[in-house]
PDB file of N, CA and C in Angstrom:
ATOM      1  N   MET A   1      89.531  86.780 115.144  1.00  0.00           N
ATOM      2  CA  MET A   1      90.942  87.188 114.351  1.00  0.00           C
ATOM      3  C   MET A   1      90.185  88.152 113.645  1.00  0.00           C
ATOM      4  N   LEU A   2      90.684  89.643 114.390  1.00  0.00           N
ATOM      5  CA  LEU A   2      90.936  90.231 113.588  1.00  0.00           C
ATOM      6  C   LEU A   2      90.819  90.563 112.629  1.00  0.00           C
ATOM      7  N   ALA A   3      90.054  91.787 111.927  1.00  0.00           N
ATOM      8  CA  ALA A   3      89.884  92.462 110.670  1.00  0.00           C
ATOM      9  C   ALA A   3      90.691  93.288 110.130  1.00  0.00           C
ATOM     10  N   PRO A   4      90.980  93.560 108.537  1.00  0.00           N
ATOM     11  CA  PRO A   4      92.444  94.403 108.780  1.00  0.00           C
ATOM     12  C   PRO A   4      92.055  95.283 108.176  1.00  0.00           C
ATOM     13  N   THR A   5      92.989  96.164 108.974  1.00  0.00           N
ATOM     14  CA  THR A   5      92.683  97.704 108.652  1.00  0.00           C
ATOM     15  C   THR A   5      92.904  97.987 106.993  1.00  0.00           C
ATOM     16  N   LEU A   6      91.840  99.166 107.068  1.00  0.00           N
ATOM     17  CA  LEU A   6      92.043  99.175 105.448  1.00  0.00           C
ATOM     18  C   LEU A   6      92.144 100.711 105.494  1.00  0.00           C
ATOM     19  N   ILE A   7      92.911 101.410 104.431  1.00  0.00           N
ATOM     20  CA  ILE A   7      93.417 103.030 104.790  1.00  0.00           C
ATOM     21  C   ILE A   7      92.813 103.723 103.356  1.00  0.00           C
ATOM     22  N   PRO A   8      92.986 104.941 103.120  1.00  0.00           N
ATOM     23  CA  PRO A   8      92.832 105.032 101.872  1.00  0.00           C
ATOM     24  C   PRO A   8      93.768 105.208 101.037  1.00  0.00           C
ATOM     25  N   GLY A   9      93.822 105.587  99.678  1.00  0.00           N
ATOM     26  CA  GLY A   9      94.223 105.395  98.791  1.00  0.00           C
ATOM     27  C   GLY A   9      96.091 106.095  98.977  1.00  0.00           C
ATOM     28  N   PRO A  10      95.831 107.443  99.182  1.00  0.00           N
ATOM     29  CA  PRO A  10      96.872 108.473  99.279  1.00  0.00           C
ATOM     30  C   PRO A  10      97.503 108.235 100.758  1.00  0.00           C
ATOM     31  N   LEU A  11      96.723 107.632 101.920  1.00  0.00           N
ATOM     32  CA  LEU A  11      97.943 106.895 102.324  1.00  0.00           C
ATOM     33  C   LEU A  11      98.675 105.371 102.261  1.00  0.00           C
ATOM     34  N   ALA A  12      98.040 104.704 101.654  1.00  0.00           N
ATOM     35  CA  ALA A  12      98.490 103.898 101.045  1.00  0.00           C
ATOM     36  C   ALA A  12      99.378 104.036 100.775  1.00  0.00           C
ATOM     37  N   ALA A  13      99.384 105.179  99.324  1.00  0.00           N
ATOM     38  CA  ALA A  13     100.455 105.363  98.235  1.00  0.00           C
ATOM     39  C   ALA A  13     101.939 106.864  99.872  1.00  0.00           C
ATOM     40  N   ALA A  14     101.458 107.097 100.515  1.00  0.00           N
ATOM     41  CA  ALA A  14     102.465 107.684 101.495  1.00  0.00           C
ATOM     42  C   ALA A  14     103.122 106.633 102.255  1.00  0.00           C
ATOM     43  N   GLU A  15     102.795 105.006 102.957  1.00  0.00           N
ATOM     44  CA  GLU A  15     103.405 104.714 103.283  1.00  0.00           C
ATOM     45  C   GLU A  15     103.993 103.390 102.147  1.00  0.00           C
ATOM     46  N   ALA A  16     104.066 103.865 100.959  1.00  0.00           N
ATOM     47  CA  ALA A  16     104.414 102.446  99.772  1.00  0.00           C
ATOM     48  C   ALA A  16     105.934 103.174  99.599  1.00  0.00           C
ATOM     49  N   GLY A  17     106.018 104.052  99.789  1.00  0.00           N
ATOM     50  CA  GLY A  17     106.409 105.630  98.464  1.00  0.00           C
ATOM     51  C   GLY A  17     107.116 105.418  97.676  1.00  0.00           C
ATOM     52  N   VAL A  18     105.219 106.019  96.977  1.00  0.00           N
ATOM     53  CA  VAL A  18     104.928 106.421  95.584  1.00  0.00           C
ATOM     54  C   VAL A  18     103.641 107.094  95.799  1.00  0.00           C
ATOM     55  N   ALA A  19     103.837 107.534  94.769  1.00  0.00           N
ATOM     56  CA  ALA A  19     102.290 108.745  94.734  1.00  0.00           C
ATOM     57  C   ALA A  19     101.356 107.984  94.272  1.00  0.00           C
ATOM     58  N   PRO A  20     100.005 109.122  94.974  1.00  0.00           N
ATOM     59  CA  PRO A  20      99.048 108.677  94.915  1.00  0.00           C
ATOM     60  C   PRO A  20      98.329 108.124  93.194  1.00  0.00           C
ATOM     61  N   ALA A  21      99.068 109.167  92.644  1.00  0.00           N
ATOM     62  CA  ALA A  21      98.396 108.486  90.860  1.00  0.00           C
ATOM     63  C   ALA A  21      99.160 107.347  90.691  1.00  0.00           C
ATOM     64  N   THR A  22     100.141 106.731  91.634  1.00  0.00           N
ATOM     65  CA  THR A  22     100.603 105.070  91.798  1.00  0.00           C
ATOM     66  C   THR A  22      99.925 104.491  91.619  1.00  0.00           C
ATOM     67  N   ILE A  23      99.133 104.554  92.855  1.00  0.00           N
ATOM     68  CA  ILE A  23      98.026 103.789  93.383  1.00  0.00           C
ATOM     69  C   ILE A  23      96.775 103.491  92.042  1.00  0.00           C
ATOM     70  N   ARG A  24      96.885 104.393  91.932  1.00  0.00           N
ATOM     71  CA  ARG A  24      95.467 104.189  90.859  1.00  0.00           C
ATOM     72  C   ARG A  24      96.331 103.842  89.636  1.00  0.00           C
ATOM     73  N   LYS A  25      97.188 104.107  88.836  1.00  0.00           N
ATOM     74  CA  LYS A  25      97.445 103.181  87.934  1.00  0.00           C
ATOM     75  C   LYS A  25      97.711 101.435  88.025  1.00  0.00           C
ATOM     76  N   TRP A  26      97.848 101.123  89.652  1.00  0.00           N
ATOM     77  CA  TRP A  26      98.314  99.501  89.635  1.00  0.00           C
ATOM     78  C   TRP A  26      96.926  99.067  90.011  1.00  0.00           C
ATOM     79  N   VAL A  27      95.824  99.965  90.421  1.00  0.00           N
ATOM     80  CA  VAL A  27      94.770  99.599  89.908  1.00  0.00           C
ATOM     81  C   VAL A  27      94.058  99.484  88.927  1.00  0.00           C
ATOM     82  N   GLN A  28      94.002 100.083  88.347  1.00  0.00           N
ATOM     83  CA  GLN A  28      93.811 100.410  86.743  1.00  0.00           C
ATOM     84  C   GLN A  28      94.478  99.432  86.119  1.00  0.00           C
ATOM     85  N   LEU A  29      95.296  98.560  86.656  1.00  0.00           N
ATOM     86  CA  LEU A  29      96.733  97.701  85.708  1.00  0.00           C
ATOM     87  C   LEU A  29      96.079  96.801  85.864  1.00  0.00           C
ATOM     88  N   GLY A  30      94.968  96.607  87.625  1.00  0.00           N
ATOM     89  CA  GLY A  30      94.876  95.104  88.014  1.00  0.00           C
ATOM     90  C   GLY A  30      95.957  94.450  89.278  1.00  0.00           C
ATOM     91  N   ARG A  31      96.935  95.227  89.161  1.00  0.00           N
ATOM     92  CA  ARG A  31      97.913  95.296  89.941  1.00  0.00           C
ATOM     93  C   ARG A  31      97.410  94.751  91.713  1.00  0.00           C
ATOM     94  N   LEU A  32      96.881  96.221  91.877  1.00  0.00           N
ATOM     95  CA  LEU A  32      96.451  96.349  93.504  1.00  0.00           C
ATOM     96  C   LEU A  32      94.909  96.039  93.085  1.00  0.00           C
ATOM     97  N   ALA A  33      94.026  95.661  94.095  1.00  0.00           N
ATOM     98  CA  ALA A  33      92.389  95.190  93.595  1.00  0.00           C
ATOM     99  C   ALA A  33      91.983  96.637  95.853  1.00  0.00           C
ATOM    100  N   PRO A  34      91.239  97.037  95.091  1.00  0.00           N
ATOM    101  CA  PRO A  34      90.600  97.812  96.896  1.00  0.00           C
ATOM    102  C   PRO A  34      89.989  96.986  97.595  1.00  0.00           C
ATOM    103  N   ALA A  35      90.286  97.166  99.052  1.00  0.00           N
ATOM    104  CA  ALA A  35      89.512  95.790  99.431  1.00  0.00           C
ATOM    105  C   ALA A  35      87.884  96.096 100.172  1.00  0.00           C
ATOM    106  N   GLY A  36      87.782  97.942 100.013  1.00  0.00           N
ATOM    107  CA  GLY A  36      86.373  98.546 100.369  1.00  0.00           C
ATOM    108  C   GLY A  36      86.484  99.812 100.090  1.00  0.00           C
ATOM    109  N   LYS A  37      85.622 100.308 100.219  1.00  0.00           N
ATOM    110  CA  LYS A  37      84.978 101.810 100.025  1.00  0.00           C
ATOM    111  C   LYS A  37      84.318 102.597 101.106  1.00  0.00           C
ATOM    112  N   ALA A  38      84.716 103.668 100.878  1.00  0.00           N
ATOM    113  CA  ALA A  38      84.168 104.979 102.256  1.00  0.00           C
ATOM    114  C   ALA A  38      83.524 106.087 101.584  1.00  0.00           C
ATOM    115  N   GLY A  39      82.634 105.850 101.116  1.00  0.00           N
ATOM    116  CA  GLY A  39      81.802 107.057 100.167  1.00  0.00           C
ATOM    117  C   GLY A  39      82.721 106.190  98.471  1.00  0.00           C
ATOM    118  N   ARG A  40      83.671 107.637  97.953  1.00  0.00           N
ATOM    119  CA  ARG A  40      83.692 107.311  97.246  1.00  0.00           C
ATOM    120  C   ARG A  40      84.973 106.886  96.951  1.00  0.00           C
ATOM    121  N   ALA A  41      85.991 107.407  98.334  1.00  0.00           N
ATOM    122  CA  ALA A  41      87.164 106.571  98.447  1.00  0.00           C
ATOM    123  C   ALA A  41      87.509 105.326  98.777  1.00  0.00           C
ATOM    124  N   GLN A  42      88.090 104.198  97.825  1.00  0.00           N
ATOM    125  CA  GLN A  42      88.944 103.233  97.846  1.00  0.00           C
ATOM    126  C   GLN A  42      89.251 102.872  98.795  1.00  0.00           C
ATOM    127  N   LEU A  43      89.361 101.998  99.882  1.00  0.00           N
ATOM    128  CA  LEU A  43      90.193 101.513 100.728  1.00  0.00           C
ATOM    129  C   LEU A  43      90.688 100.657 100.361  1.00  0.00           C
ATOM    130  N   PHE A  44      92.316 100.580 101.082  1.00  0.00           N
ATOM    131  CA  PHE A  44      93.483  98.945 100.398  1.00  0.00           C
ATOM    132  C   PHE A  44      94.360  98.624 101.896  1.00  0.00           C
ATOM    133  N   ARG A  45      93.666  97.236 101.856  1.00  0.00           N
ATOM    134  CA  ARG A  45      94.768  96.446 102.657  1.00  0.00           C
ATOM    135  C   ARG A  45      96.293  96.818 102.743  1.00  0.00           C
ATOM    136  N   LEU A  46      96.687  97.431 103.665  1.00  0.00           N
ATOM    137  CA  LEU A  46      98.364  97.722 103.663  1.00  0.00           C
ATOM    138  C   LEU A  46      99.571  97.053 102.722  1.00  0.00           C
ATOM    139  N   GLU A  47      99.016  95.696 103.063  1.00  0.00           N
ATOM    140  CA  GLU A  47      99.819  93.987 103.014  1.00  0.00           C
ATOM    141  C   GLU A  47      99.501  93.148 101.269  1.00  0.00           C
ATOM    142  N   ASP A  48      98.499  94.260 100.839  1.00  0.00           N
ATOM    143  CA  ASP A  48      98.440  94.003  99.240  1.00  0.00           C
ATOM    144  C   ASP A  48      98.581  95.374  98.818  1.00  0.00           C
ATOM    145  N   VAL A  49      98.675  96.206  99.405  1.00  0.00           N
ATOM    146  CA  VAL A  49      99.564  97.635  98.592  1.00  0.00           C
ATOM    147  C   VAL A  49     101.248  97.393  98.663  1.00  0.00           C
ATOM    148  N   PHE A  50     101.750  96.472 100.219  1.00  0.00           N
ATOM    149  CA  PHE A  50     103.270  97.048  99.650  1.00  0.00           C
ATOM    150  C   PHE A  50     103.419  95.353  98.641  1.00  0.00           C
ATOM    151  N   ALA A  51     102.260  94.257  98.762  1.00  0.00           N
ATOM    152  CA  ALA A  51     102.501  93.527  97.622  1.00  0.00           C
ATOM    153  C   ALA A  51     102.913  93.701  96.148  1.00  0.00           C
ATOM    154  N   ALA A  52     101.948  95.101  95.481  1.00  0.00           N
ATOM    155  CA  ALA A  52     101.842  95.612  94.269  1.00  0.00           C
ATOM    156  C   ALA A  52     103.165  96.138  94.539  1.00  0.00           C
ATOM    157  N   GLU A  53     103.367  97.126  94.933  1.00  0.00           N
ATOM    158  CA  GLU A  53     104.554  97.982  95.329  1.00  0.00           C
ATOM    159  C   GLU A  53     106.166  96.505  94.876  1.00  0.00           C
ATOM    160  N   ARG A  54     106.170  95.678  95.793  1.00  0.00           N
ATOM    161  CA  ARG A  54     107.531  94.736  95.520  1.00  0.00           C
ATOM    162  C   ARG A  54     107.197  94.235  94.208  1.00  0.00           C
ATOM    163  N   SER A  55     106.412  93.620  93.401  1.00  0.00           N
ATOM    164  CA  SER A  55     105.681  92.762  91.674  1.00  0.00           C
ATOM    165  C   SER A  55     105.817  94.300  90.966  1.00  0.00           C
ATOM    166  N   ALA A  56     105.659  95.610  91.439  1.00  0.00           N
ATOM    167  CA  ALA A  56     106.327  96.677  90.607  1.00  0.00           C
ATOM    168  C   ALA A  56     107.285  96.802  90.364  1.00  0.00           C
ATOM    169  N   ARG A  57     108.643  96.168  91.191  1.00  0.00           N
ATOM    170  CA  ARG A  57     110.198  96.532  91.032  1.00  0.00           C
ATOM    171  C   ARG A  57     110.786  96.493  89.923  1.00  0.00           C
ATOM    172  N   PRO A  58     111.725  96.606  89.300  1.00  0.00           N
ATOM    173  CA  PRO A  58     111.969  96.844  87.993  1.00  0.00           C
ATOM    174  C   PRO A  58     113.819  95.058  89.127  1.00  0.00           C
ATOM    175  N   ARG A  59     113.071  93.569  87.907  1.00  0.00           N
ATOM    176  CA  ARG A  59     114.229  92.662  89.057  1.00  0.00           C
ATOM    177  C   ARG A  59     115.760  92.969  88.357  1.00  0.00           C
ATOM    178  N   THR A  60     116.529  93.256  89.503  1.00  0.00           N
ATOM    179  CA  THR A  60     117.946  93.285  89.253  1.00  0.00           C
ATOM    180  C   THR A  60     118.046  91.776  89.387  1.00  0.00           C
ATOM    181  N   ALA A  61     119.297  91.873  88.034  1.00  0.00           N
ATOM    182  CA  ALA A  61     120.087  90.337  88.123  1.00  0.00           C
ATOM    183  C   ALA A  61     121.081  90.412  89.466  1.00  0.00           C
ATOM    184  N   PRO A  62     121.213  88.644  89.544  1.00  0.00           N
ATOM    185  CA  PRO A  62     122.087  88.563  91.126  1.00  0.00           C
ATOM    186  C   PRO A  62     123.360  89.015  91.235  1.00  0.00           C
ATOM    187  N   ALA A  63     123.660  90.028  91.851  1.00  0.00           N
ATOM    188  CA  ALA A  63     125.073  90.159  92.479  1.00  0.00           C
ATOM    189  C   ALA A  63     125.766  88.487  91.623  1.00  0.00           C
ATOM    190  N   THR A  64     127.027  88.562  91.713  1.00  0.00           N
ATOM    191  CA  THR A  64     128.096  86.943  91.272  1.00  0.00           C
ATOM    192  C   THR A  64     129.393  87.089  92.626  1.00  0.00           C
ATOM    193  N   LEU A  65     129.575  86.089  93.037  1.00  0.00           N
ATOM    194  CA  LEU A  65     130.312  86.426  93.815  1.00  0.00           C
ATOM    195  C   LEU A  65     132.082  86.477  93.684  1.00  0.00           C
ATOM    196  N   ARG A  66     132.907  87.455  93.983  1.00  0.00           N
ATOM    197  CA  ARG A  66     133.828  87.467  93.382  1.00  0.00           C
ATOM    198  C   ARG A  66     134.747  86.864  94.518  1.00  0.00           C
ATOM    199  N   GLY A  67     136.166  86.566  94.187  1.00  0.00           N
ATOM    200  CA  GLY A  67     136.859  85.219  95.009  1.00  0.00           C
ATOM    201  C   GLY A  67     138.642  85.861  94.389  1.00  0.00           C
TER     202      GLY A  67
END
Protein backbone atom coordinates (compact mmCIF):
# COMPACT_ATOMS: atom_id res chain seq x y z
CA MET A 1 0.00 0.00 0.00
CA LEU A 2 1.30 3.44 -0.89
CA ALA A 3 1.83 6.06 1.77
CA PRO A 4 -0.45 9.10 1.36
CA THR A 5 1.10 12.12 -0.30
CA LEU A 6 1.62 14.97 2.13
CA ILE A 7 1.44 18.55 0.92
CA PRO A 8 2.27 21.87 2.61
CA GLY A 9 -0.46 24.19 3.87
CA PRO A 10 -0.32 26.77 1.04
CA LEU A 11 -0.71 24.06 -1.59
CA ALA A 12 -3.48 22.40 0.42
CA ALA A 13 -5.27 25.76 0.58
CA ALA A 14 -4.98 26.24 -3.18
CA GLU A 15 -6.36 22.75 -3.85
CA ALA A 16 -9.33 23.35 -1.52
CA GLY A 17 -9.98 26.85 -2.88
CA VAL A 18 -9.41 28.61 0.43
CA ALA A 19 -6.82 31.01 1.81
CA PRO A 20 -3.75 29.64 3.63
CA ALA A 21 -5.04 31.45 6.74
CA THR A 22 -8.15 29.25 6.55
CA ILE A 23 -6.01 26.11 6.75
CA ARG A 24 -4.25 27.54 9.82
CA LYS A 25 -7.62 28.42 11.38
CA TRP A 26 -8.96 24.89 10.80
CA VAL A 27 -5.89 23.50 12.55
CA GLN A 28 -6.37 25.95 15.44
CA LEU A 29 -10.05 24.94 15.74
CA GLY A 30 -9.25 21.23 15.60
CA ARG A 31 -11.04 20.65 12.28
CA LEU A 32 -7.82 19.63 10.54
CA ALA A 33 -4.74 17.90 11.92
CA PRO A 34 -1.32 18.01 10.27
CA ALA A 35 -0.14 14.58 9.13
CA GLY A 36 3.54 15.50 9.30
CA LYS A 37 6.17 18.23 9.27
CA ALA A 38 9.00 19.31 6.99
CA GLY A 39 11.13 21.66 9.02
CA ARG A 40 8.65 24.17 10.43
CA ALA A 41 6.06 23.58 7.68
CA GLN A 42 3.01 21.51 8.50
CA LEU A 43 2.06 18.86 5.96
CA PHE A 44 -1.46 17.64 5.26
CA ARG A 45 -3.19 14.75 3.51
CA LEU A 46 -5.34 16.16 0.74
CA GLU A 47 -8.30 13.97 1.69
CA ASP A 48 -8.18 15.45 5.22
CA VAL A 49 -8.17 18.97 3.80
CA PHE A 50 -11.19 18.21 1.61
CA ALA A 51 -13.03 16.67 4.57
CA ALA A 52 -12.37 19.80 6.63
CA GLU A 53 -13.57 21.97 3.76
CA ARG A 54 -16.81 19.97 3.44
CA SER A 55 -17.47 20.20 7.18
CA ALA A 56 -16.90 23.98 7.12
CA ARG A 57 -19.48 24.58 4.38
CA PRO A 58 -22.77 26.03 5.56
CA ARG A 59 -25.56 23.52 5.43
CA THR A 60 -28.38 24.35 3.05
CA ALA A 61 -31.96 23.22 3.36
CA PRO A 62 -32.89 20.47 0.93
CA ALA A 63 -34.80 21.61 -2.13
CA THR A 64 -38.45 20.74 -2.14
CA LEU A 65 -40.09 19.10 -5.09
CA ARG A 66 -42.69 21.13 -6.88
CA GLY A 67 -45.30 19.42 -8.98
